[in-house]
């Protein structure tokens, strides 16, 4: 019960409506209770894995995907991978942007060798709500991050989310053009739609862009070589 209450509190505090418009006070008692729960969960996690699991992690990382998501507390790895350790190089920021986390993204792609660069926006995004309105009264560092979200003012939230995801993919295709051309990197944009704003089912991760292609009918052709490689491997 406490987990659900705390998750609801986080969602309200971090990206509530009106987004970024009000100052919300914290509660140290909540923090004290939650750090105890975190410690208990971590002990259970350790108990569920043997020593070899952690020894393998200690050797280094070769994540298959570099993932850029919004910092929103409702967007996490458990929807992507049951065993994300060593698989997902996670980067989180306001509005799932390349520009405000370029160094981290470059590290994941250029140095860790991720073959997939995945940008994930989400429904009911507070960053998109703020960027589409007047955020002039916010703190300067927040305004600086919102300034790089290029969407139409006053539009529907889900439309802004999709435009922003497409913008991030376009920027990444320029940044990593050589790797994409050589077939070393696939850049994908998706929307985690827990509000079912796209009418494709609540909670679905909807892919809307693949290497700049936005026609879903053509996505199958783009993933066919991978499916064949997997079949040949088996």
C-alpha atoms as a PDB file:
ATOM      1  CA  UNK A   1       0.000   0.000   0.000  1.00  0.00           C
ATOM      2  CA  UNK A   2       2.801   2.404   0.911  1.00  0.00           C
ATOM      3  CA  UNK A   3       4.450   1.815  -2.477  1.00  0.00           C
ATOM      4  CA  UNK A   4       1.288   2.810  -4.310  1.00  0.00           C
ATOM      5  CA  UNK A   5       0.774   5.857  -2.111  1.00  0.00           C
ATOM      6  CA  UNK A   6       4.354   6.977  -2.598  1.00  0.00           C
ATOM      7  CA  UNK A   7       4.216   6.400  -6.364  1.00  0.00           C
ATOM      8  CA  UNK A   8       1.082   8.527  -6.499  1.00  0.00           C
ATOM      9  CA  UNK A   9       2.807  11.205  -4.431  1.00  0.00           C
ATOM     10  CA  UNK A  10       5.803  11.261  -6.776  1.00  0.00           C
ATOM     11  CA  UNK A  11       3.604  11.537  -9.846  1.00  0.00           C
ATOM     12  CA  UNK A  12       1.756  14.441  -8.223  1.00  0.00           C
ATOM     13  CA  UNK A  13       4.883  16.244  -7.054  1.00  0.00           C
ATOM     14  CA  UNK A  14       7.092  15.844 -10.095  1.00  0.00           C
ATOM     15  CA  UNK A  15       4.968  16.340 -13.201  1.00  0.00           C
ATOM     16  CA  UNK A  16       1.520  17.216 -11.942  1.00  0.00           C
ATOM     17  CA  UNK A  17      -0.976  19.596 -13.507  1.00  0.00           C
ATOM     18  CA  UNK A  18      -0.224  22.432 -13.754  1.00  0.00           C
ATOM     19  CA  UNK A  19       3.268  21.162 -14.580  1.00  0.00           C
ATOM     20  CA  UNK A  20       6.194  23.106 -13.110  1.00  0.00           C
ATOM     21  CA  UNK A  21       3.773  25.831 -12.032  1.00  0.00           C
ATOM     22  CA  UNK A  22       3.668  25.248  -8.283  1.00  0.00           C
ATOM     23  CA  UNK A  23       6.218  24.597  -5.577  1.00  0.00           C
ATOM     24  CA  UNK A  24       5.516  21.407  -3.654  1.00  0.00           C
ATOM     25  CA  UNK A  25       6.963  20.842  -0.213  1.00  0.00           C
ATOM     26  CA  UNK A  26       8.605  17.555   0.711  1.00  0.00           C
ATOM     27  CA  UNK A  27       8.238  15.562   3.896  1.00  0.00           C
ATOM     28  CA  UNK A  28      11.280  14.118   5.663  1.00  0.00           C
ATOM     29  CA  UNK A  29       9.088  11.537   7.379  1.00  0.00           C
ATOM     30  CA  UNK A  30       8.130  10.164   3.960  1.00  0.00           C
ATOM     31  CA  UNK A  31      11.805  10.078   2.980  1.00  0.00           C
ATOM     32  CA  UNK A  32      12.799   8.275   6.178  1.00  0.00           C
ATOM     33  CA  UNK A  33      10.133   5.645   5.678  1.00  0.00           C
ATOM     34  CA  UNK A  34      11.009   5.177   2.049  1.00  0.00           C
ATOM     35  CA  UNK A  35      14.767   4.806   2.531  1.00  0.00           C
ATOM     36  CA  UNK A  36      14.005   1.924   4.898  1.00  0.00           C
ATOM     37  CA  UNK A  37      11.838   0.347   2.236  1.00  0.00           C
ATOM     38  CA  UNK A  38      14.592   0.832  -0.352  1.00  0.00           C
ATOM     39  CA  UNK A  39      17.080  -0.911   1.917  1.00  0.00           C
ATOM     40  CA  UNK A  40      14.705  -3.819   2.449  1.00  0.00           C
ATOM     41  CA  UNK A  41      14.026  -4.124  -1.286  1.00  0.00           C
ATOM     42  CA  UNK A  42      17.757  -4.067  -2.021  1.00  0.00           C
ATOM     43  CA  UNK A  43      18.404  -6.854   0.481  1.00  0.00           C
ATOM     44  CA  UNK A  44      15.695  -8.920  -1.168  1.00  0.00           C
ATOM     45  CA  UNK A  45      17.270  -8.212  -4.565  1.00  0.00           C
ATOM     46  CA  UNK A  46      20.677  -9.394  -3.344  1.00  0.00           C
ATOM     47  CA  UNK A  47      19.123 -12.522  -1.859  1.00  0.00           C
ATOM     48  CA  UNK A  48      17.437 -13.332  -5.167  1.00  0.00           C
ATOM     49  CA  UNK A  49      20.747 -13.347  -7.062  1.00  0.00           C
ATOM     50  CA  UNK A  50      23.813 -15.475  -6.532  1.00  0.00           C
ATOM     51  CA  UNK A  51      27.406 -14.252  -6.280  1.00  0.00           C
ATOM     52  CA  UNK A  52      28.105 -15.163  -9.909  1.00  0.00           C
ATOM     53  CA  UNK A  53      25.488 -12.646 -11.043  1.00  0.00           C
ATOM     54  CA  UNK A  54      27.313  -9.744  -9.393  1.00  0.00           C
ATOM     55  CA  UNK A  55      30.717 -11.062 -10.432  1.00  0.00           C
ATOM     56  CA  UNK A  56      29.562 -10.944 -14.043  1.00  0.00           C
ATOM     57  CA  UNK A  57      28.366  -7.353 -13.634  1.00  0.00           C
ATOM     58  CA  UNK A  58      31.721  -6.397 -12.126  1.00  0.00           C
ATOM     59  CA  UNK A  59      33.526  -7.407 -15.335  1.00  0.00           C
ATOM     60  CA  UNK A  60      32.092  -4.437 -17.261  1.00  0.00           C
ATOM     61  CA  UNK A  61      29.161  -3.522 -19.448  1.00  0.00           C
ATOM     62  CA  UNK A  62      28.160  -4.005 -23.064  1.00  0.00           C
ATOM     63  CA  UNK A  63      24.602  -2.622 -23.133  1.00  0.00           C
ATOM     64  CA  UNK A  64      22.621  -3.480 -26.226  1.00  0.00           C
ATOM     65  CA  UNK A  65      20.617  -0.265 -25.939  1.00  0.00           C
ATOM     66  CA  UNK A  66      21.215   3.315 -24.904  1.00  0.00           C
ATOM     67  CA  UNK A  67      17.823   4.549 -23.742  1.00  0.00           C
ATOM     68  CA  UNK A  68      16.843   8.199 -23.273  1.00  0.00           C
ATOM     69  CA  UNK A  69      13.623   8.643 -21.322  1.00  0.00           C
ATOM     70  CA  UNK A  70      11.896  11.469 -19.533  1.00  0.00           C
ATOM     71  CA  UNK A  71      12.686  11.813 -15.823  1.00  0.00           C
ATOM     72  CA  UNK A  72       9.004  11.267 -15.039  1.00  0.00           C
ATOM     73  CA  UNK A  73       8.635   8.762 -12.184  1.00  0.00           C
ATOM     74  CA  UNK A  74       6.060   6.760 -14.139  1.00  0.00           C
ATOM     75  CA  UNK A  75       8.590   5.774 -16.833  1.00  0.00           C
ATOM     76  CA  UNK A  76      11.003   3.033 -15.791  1.00  0.00           C
ATOM     77  CA  UNK A  77      12.973   0.057 -17.061  1.00  0.00           C
ATOM     78  CA  UNK A  78      10.545  -2.547 -15.732  1.00  0.00           C
ATOM     79  CA  UNK A  79       8.325  -1.932 -18.770  1.00  0.00           C
ATOM     80  CA  UNK A  80      11.217  -2.593 -21.154  1.00  0.00           C
ATOM     81  CA  UNK A  81      13.278  -5.440 -19.740  1.00  0.00           C
ATOM     82  CA  UNK A  82      12.804  -7.859 -16.840  1.00  0.00           C
ATOM     83  CA  UNK A  83      16.579  -8.107 -16.503  1.00  0.00           C
ATOM     84  CA  UNK A  84      17.939  -4.665 -17.474  1.00  0.00           C
ATOM     85  CA  UNK A  85      21.294  -5.077 -15.719  1.00  0.00           C
ATOM     86  CA  UNK A  86      24.055  -4.820 -18.311  1.00  0.00           C
ATOM     87  CA  UNK A  87      21.485  -4.455 -21.090  1.00  0.00           C
ATOM     88  CA  UNK A  88      20.129  -0.904 -20.848  1.00  0.00           C
ATOM     89  CA  UNK A  89      22.321   2.175 -20.544  1.00  0.00           C
ATOM     90  CA  UNK A  90      19.709   4.518 -19.070  1.00  0.00           C
ATOM     91  CA  UNK A  91      19.675   8.298 -19.475  1.00  0.00           C
ATOM     92  CA  UNK A  92      16.865  10.360 -17.981  1.00  0.00           C
ATOM     93  CA  UNK A  93      16.156  14.064 -18.320  1.00  0.00           C
ATOM     94  CA  UNK A  94      13.340  16.570 -18.730  1.00  0.00           C
ATOM     95  CA  UNK A  95      11.687  15.791 -22.054  1.00  0.00           C
ATOM     96  CA  UNK A  96      13.877  12.799 -23.042  1.00  0.00           C
ATOM     97  CA  UNK A  97      16.288  15.052 -24.933  1.00  0.00           C
ATOM     98  CA  UNK A  98      19.556  14.460 -26.743  1.00  0.00           C
ATOM     99  CA  UNK A  99      20.871  18.016 -26.409  1.00  0.00           C
ATOM    100  CA  UNK A 100      20.755  18.158 -22.611  1.00  0.00           C
ATOM    101  CA  UNK A 101      22.437  14.759 -22.218  1.00  0.00           C
ATOM    102  CA  UNK A 102      24.633  14.543 -25.297  1.00  0.00           C
ATOM    103  CA  UNK A 103      27.742  13.416 -23.438  1.00  0.00           C
ATOM    104  CA  UNK A 104      25.943  10.505 -21.828  1.00  0.00           C
ATOM    105  CA  UNK A 105      24.385   9.463 -25.136  1.00  0.00           C
ATOM    106  CA  UNK A 106      27.738   9.701 -26.917  1.00  0.00           C
ATOM    107  CA  UNK A 107      29.278   7.522 -24.240  1.00  0.00           C
ATOM    108  CA  UNK A 108      26.594   4.863 -24.633  1.00  0.00           C
ATOM    109  CA  UNK A 109      26.806   4.783 -28.422  1.00  0.00           C
ATOM    110  CA  UNK A 110      30.464   5.566 -29.135  1.00  0.00           C
ATOM    111  CA  UNK A 111      32.215   3.936 -26.196  1.00  0.00           C
ATOM    112  CA  UNK A 112      29.901   1.225 -24.900  1.00  0.00           C
ATOM    113  CA  UNK A 113      28.864   0.183 -28.399  1.00  0.00           C
ATOM    114  CA  UNK A 114      25.090   0.162 -28.050  1.00  0.00           C
ATOM    115  CA  UNK A 115      23.463  -0.927 -31.300  1.00  0.00           C
ATOM    116  CA  UNK A 116      20.110   0.635 -30.399  1.00  0.00           C
ATOM    117  CA  UNK A 117      19.495   4.249 -29.419  1.00  0.00           C
ATOM    118  CA  UNK A 118      15.952   4.523 -28.102  1.00  0.00           C
ATOM    119  CA  UNK A 119      14.138   7.759 -27.251  1.00  0.00           C
ATOM    120  CA  UNK A 120      10.999   7.295 -25.161  1.00  0.00           C
ATOM    121  CA  UNK A 121       8.433  10.020 -24.644  1.00  0.00           C
ATOM    122  CA  UNK A 122       5.236   9.439 -22.702  1.00  0.00           C
ATOM    123  CA  UNK A 123       1.633  10.518 -22.400  1.00  0.00           C
ATOM    124  CA  UNK A 124       0.645  13.231 -19.905  1.00  0.00           C
ATOM    125  CA  UNK A 125       4.170  14.657 -20.021  1.00  0.00           C
ATOM    126  CA  UNK A 126       4.683  17.645 -17.741  1.00  0.00           C
ATOM    127  CA  UNK A 127       7.772  18.787 -19.625  1.00  0.00           C
ATOM    128  CA  UNK A 128       5.802  18.977 -22.859  1.00  0.00           C
ATOM    129  CA  UNK A 129       2.955  20.772 -21.075  1.00  0.00           C
ATOM    130  CA  UNK A 130       5.398  23.332 -19.710  1.00  0.00           C
ATOM    131  CA  UNK A 131       7.237  23.795 -23.012  1.00  0.00           C
ATOM    132  CA  UNK A 132       3.979  24.392 -24.856  1.00  0.00           C
ATOM    133  CA  UNK A 133       3.011  27.211 -22.505  1.00  0.00           C
ATOM    134  CA  UNK A 134       4.594  30.067 -20.558  1.00  0.00           C
ATOM    135  CA  UNK A 135       7.394  28.873 -18.299  1.00  0.00           C
ATOM    136  CA  UNK A 136       9.121  32.242 -17.833  1.00  0.00           C
ATOM    137  CA  UNK A 137       8.695  32.212 -14.044  1.00  0.00           C
ATOM    138  CA  UNK A 138      10.507  28.928 -13.517  1.00  0.00           C
ATOM    139  CA  UNK A 139      14.072  28.485 -12.273  1.00  0.00           C
ATOM    140  CA  UNK A 140      16.760  29.290 -14.841  1.00  0.00           C
ATOM    141  CA  UNK A 141      18.190  25.745 -15.061  1.00  0.00           C
ATOM    142  CA  UNK A 142      14.696  24.341 -15.710  1.00  0.00           C
ATOM    143  CA  UNK A 143      13.984  27.013 -18.326  1.00  0.00           C
ATOM    144  CA  UNK A 144      17.285  26.179 -20.014  1.00  0.00           C
ATOM    145  CA  UNK A 145      16.239  22.540 -20.412  1.00  0.00           C
ATOM    146  CA  UNK A 146      12.758  23.454 -21.611  1.00  0.00           C
ATOM    147  CA  UNK A 147      14.188  25.899 -24.166  1.00  0.00           C
ATOM    148  CA  UNK A 148      15.500  23.009 -26.248  1.00  0.00           C
ATOM    149  CA  UNK A 149      12.094  21.347 -26.595  1.00  0.00           C
ATOM    150  CA  UNK A 150      10.864  22.617 -29.953  1.00  0.00           C
ATOM    151  CA  UNK A 151       7.110  22.132 -30.184  1.00  0.00           C
ATOM    152  CA  UNK A 152       4.079  24.245 -31.078  1.00  0.00           C
ATOM    153  CA  UNK A 153       2.698  26.333 -28.232  1.00  0.00           C
ATOM    154  CA  UNK A 154      -0.760  25.415 -27.011  1.00  0.00           C
ATOM    155  CA  UNK A 155      -1.056  22.094 -28.828  1.00  0.00           C
ATOM    156  CA  UNK A 156      -2.409  18.817 -27.484  1.00  0.00           C
ATOM    157  CA  UNK A 157       0.014  17.142 -25.104  1.00  0.00           C
ATOM    158  CA  UNK A 158       0.282  13.861 -27.003  1.00  0.00           C
ATOM    159  CA  UNK A 159       0.950  15.729 -30.259  1.00  0.00           C
ATOM    160  CA  UNK A 160       3.791  17.610 -28.592  1.00  0.00           C
ATOM    161  CA  UNK A 161       5.142  14.368 -27.178  1.00  0.00           C
ATOM    162  CA  UNK A 162       5.287  12.791 -30.639  1.00  0.00           C
ATOM    163  CA  UNK A 163       6.829  15.869 -32.270  1.00  0.00           C
ATOM    164  CA  UNK A 164       9.476  16.000 -29.556  1.00  0.00           C
ATOM    165  CA  UNK A 165      10.341  12.306 -29.971  1.00  0.00           C
ATOM    166  CA  UNK A 166      10.681  12.773 -33.730  1.00  0.00           C
ATOM    167  CA  UNK A 167      12.894  15.807 -33.131  1.00  0.00           C
ATOM    168  CA  UNK A 168      15.199  13.767 -30.893  1.00  0.00           C
ATOM    169  CA  UNK A 169      15.492  11.014 -33.487  1.00  0.00           C
ATOM    170  CA  UNK A 170      16.294  13.586 -36.192  1.00  0.00           C
ATOM    171  CA  UNK A 171      19.001  15.153 -34.027  1.00  0.00           C
ATOM    172  CA  UNK A 172      20.488  11.737 -33.237  1.00  0.00           C
ATOM    173  CA  UNK A 173      20.552  10.762 -36.903  1.00  0.00           C
ATOM    174  CA  UNK A 174      22.706  13.820 -37.561  1.00  0.00           C
ATOM    175  CA  UNK A 175      24.915  13.219 -34.536  1.00  0.00           C
ATOM    176  CA  UNK A 176      25.535   9.546 -35.364  1.00  0.00           C
ATOM    177  CA  UNK A 177      25.072   9.657 -39.133  1.00  0.00           C
ATOM    178  CA  UNK A 178      28.199   7.613 -39.834  1.00  0.00           C
ATOM    179  CA  UNK A 179      27.199   4.756 -37.525  1.00  0.00           C
ATOM    180  CA  UNK A 180      23.677   4.675 -38.934  1.00  0.00           C
ATOM    181  CA  UNK A 181      25.021   4.633 -42.501  1.00  0.00           C
ATOM    182  CA  UNK A 182      27.359   1.735 -41.683  1.00  0.00           C
ATOM    183  CA  UNK A 183      24.536  -0.267 -40.143  1.00  0.00           C
ATOM    184  CA  UNK A 184      26.043  -0.074 -36.673  1.00  0.00           C
ATOM    185  CA  UNK A 185      23.215   1.849 -35.032  1.00  0.00           C
ATOM    186  CA  UNK A 186      19.423   1.872 -35.150  1.00  0.00           C
ATOM    187  CA  UNK A 187      17.743   5.033 -33.811  1.00  0.00           C
ATOM    188  CA  UNK A 188      14.177   4.520 -32.628  1.00  0.00           C
ATOM    189  CA  UNK A 189      11.553   6.867 -31.199  1.00  0.00           C
ATOM    190  CA  UNK A 190       8.647   5.594 -29.121  1.00  0.00           C
ATOM    191  CA  UNK A 191       5.853   6.773 -26.850  1.00  0.00           C
ATOM    192  CA  UNK A 192       4.940   5.022 -23.607  1.00  0.00           C
ATOM    193  CA  UNK A 193       1.210   5.699 -23.625  1.00  0.00           C
ATOM    194  CA  UNK A 194      -0.202   4.810 -20.219  1.00  0.00           C
ATOM    195  CA  UNK A 195      -3.093   7.258 -20.788  1.00  0.00           C
ATOM    196  CA  UNK A 196      -4.058   5.614 -24.115  1.00  0.00           C
ATOM    197  CA  UNK A 197      -3.986   8.999 -25.845  1.00  0.00           C
ATOM    198  CA  UNK A 198      -2.965   7.288 -29.088  1.00  0.00           C
ATOM    199  CA  UNK A 199      -5.859   4.814 -28.827  1.00  0.00           C
ATOM    200  CA  UNK A 200      -3.639   1.780 -29.263  1.00  0.00           C
ATOM    201  CA  UNK A 201      -4.096   0.412 -25.764  1.00  0.00           C
ATOM    202  CA  UNK A 202      -3.191   1.785 -22.350  1.00  0.00           C
ATOM    203  CA  UNK A 203       0.395   1.028 -21.373  1.00  0.00           C
ATOM    204  CA  UNK A 204       1.659   0.233 -24.862  1.00  0.00           C
ATOM    205  CA  UNK A 205       5.081   1.332 -26.003  1.00  0.00           C
ATOM    206  CA  UNK A 206       4.230   2.661 -29.454  1.00  0.00           C
ATOM    207  CA  UNK A 207       7.114   2.946 -31.913  1.00  0.00           C
ATOM    208  CA  UNK A 208       6.598   6.050 -34.055  1.00  0.00           C
ATOM    209  CA  UNK A 209       9.982   6.530 -35.689  1.00  0.00           C
ATOM    210  CA  UNK A 210      12.738   4.221 -36.893  1.00  0.00           C
ATOM    211  CA  UNK A 211      15.836   5.839 -38.412  1.00  0.00           C
ATOM    212  CA  UNK A 212      13.666   8.747 -39.548  1.00  0.00           C
ATOM    213  CA  UNK A 213      10.930   6.581 -41.053  1.00  0.00           C
ATOM    214  CA  UNK A 214       7.545   7.418 -39.500  1.00  0.00           C
ATOM    215  CA  UNK A 215       5.298   5.104 -41.530  1.00  0.00           C
ATOM    216  CA  UNK A 216       4.498   2.094 -39.281  1.00  0.00           C
ATOM    217  CA  UNK A 217       3.793  -0.023 -42.353  1.00  0.00           C
ATOM    218  CA  UNK A 218       7.474   0.197 -43.262  1.00  0.00           C
ATOM    219  CA  UNK A 219       8.849  -0.692 -39.830  1.00  0.00           C
ATOM    220  CA  UNK A 220       8.474  -4.424 -40.522  1.00  0.00           C
ATOM    221  CA  UNK A 221      10.749  -4.166 -43.550  1.00  0.00           C
ATOM    222  CA  UNK A 222      13.348  -2.345 -41.472  1.00  0.00           C
ATOM    223  CA  UNK A 223      13.385  -5.038 -38.779  1.00  0.00           C
ATOM    224  CA  UNK A 224      13.250  -8.002 -41.164  1.00  0.00           C
ATOM    225  CA  UNK A 225      17.065  -8.430 -41.386  1.00  0.00           C
ATOM    226  CA  UNK A 226      17.246  -8.639 -37.590  1.00  0.00           C
ATOM    227  CA  UNK A 227      14.498 -11.260 -37.487  1.00  0.00           C
ATOM    228  CA  UNK A 228      16.328 -13.297 -40.123  1.00  0.00           C
ATOM    229  CA  UNK A 229      19.607 -13.017 -38.218  1.00  0.00           C
ATOM    230  CA  UNK A 230      17.904 -14.236 -35.051  1.00  0.00           C
ATOM    231  CA  UNK A 231      16.349 -17.159 -36.934  1.00  0.00           C
ATOM    232  CA  UNK A 232      19.699 -18.078 -38.513  1.00  0.00           C
ATOM    233  CA  UNK A 233      21.388 -17.883 -35.128  1.00  0.00           C
ATOM    234  CA  UNK A 234      18.954 -20.404 -33.668  1.00  0.00           C
END
